Protein backbone atom coordinates (compact mmCIF):
# COMPACT_ATOMS: atom_id res chain seq x y z
CA MET A 1 108.17 207.31 101.32
CA ALA A 2 109.52 209.57 104.17
CA TYR A 3 106.25 211.43 104.63
CA THR A 4 104.14 208.27 104.40
CA VAL A 5 106.24 206.89 107.54
CA GLY A 6 105.99 210.21 109.57
CA TYR A 7 109.36 211.88 108.51
CA ASN A 8 108.97 215.53 107.62
CA ASP A 9 112.39 215.80 106.36
CA GLU A 10 113.46 213.42 103.38
CA LYS A 11 117.06 214.07 104.01
CA TYR A 12 116.80 213.01 107.65
CA PHE A 13 114.75 209.92 106.89
CA LEU A 14 117.60 208.86 104.41
CA ARG A 15 120.09 209.12 107.11
CA ALA A 16 118.05 207.34 109.65
CA PHE A 17 117.13 204.62 107.15
CA ARG A 18 120.74 204.16 106.08
CA LYS A 19 121.88 203.87 109.73
CA SER A 20 119.28 201.46 110.54
CA VAL A 21 119.29 199.06 107.45
CA GLY A 22 122.66 199.73 106.17
CA MET A 23 121.81 200.50 102.56
CA THR A 24 119.68 203.39 100.80
CA PRO A 25 115.87 202.83 100.25
CA THR A 26 116.69 202.59 96.70
CA ALA A 27 119.10 199.78 97.13
CA TYR A 28 117.12 198.15 99.68
CA ARG A 29 114.06 198.13 97.27
CA SER A 30 116.13 196.90 94.51
CA LYS A 31 117.50 193.92 96.69
CA GLN A 32 113.86 192.98 97.98
CA THR A 33 112.70 193.12 94.53
CA LYS A 34 115.17 190.55 93.32
CA MET A 35 114.70 188.32 96.25
CA ASN A 36 110.90 188.26 95.69
CA ALA A 37 111.45 187.62 92.14
CA ALA A 38 113.70 184.81 92.86
CA ALA A 39 111.21 183.31 95.34
CA ALA A 40 108.23 183.62 92.92
CA SER A 41 110.08 181.71 90.15
CA ALA A 42 111.57 179.12 92.25
CA SER A 43 109.21 175.92 92.48
CA TYR A 44 108.73 174.87 96.06
CA ALA A 45 107.27 171.23 96.72
CA LEU A 46 105.48 170.73 99.85
CA PRO A 47 106.98 167.93 101.96
CA GLN A 48 105.11 164.92 101.92
CA PRO A 49 104.36 163.00 105.14
CA SER A 50 106.18 159.92 105.74
CA GLY A 51 106.92 157.16 108.28
CA SER A 52 104.35 155.11 110.22
CA ARG A 53 103.24 158.13 112.52
CA TRP A 54 101.27 159.70 109.56
CA ARG A 55 97.94 158.35 108.81
CA ALA A 56 94.91 159.64 106.97
CA ARG A 57 92.09 160.99 109.14
CA SER A 58 88.68 160.21 108.34
CA MET A 59 85.76 162.50 108.58
CA PRO A 60 83.79 161.97 111.83
CA ARG A 61 80.48 160.02 111.29
CA ASN A 62 77.34 162.15 111.28
CA LEU A 63 75.72 160.93 114.64
CA GLY A 64 72.33 162.92 113.96
């Protein structure tokens, strides 16, 4: 990954990444994988409009 983002020295990339993010790239990847898996398995319901301010809009009439 270091070479992909433009670092020629893998050890320097590791130090810079750890300083910037606060964890190693391996730990970061593990954390992101767990977060993505949790988000994918959770069922999210879209909020339904409520109140008198919401009205279904009709399609415009064909004036041609």
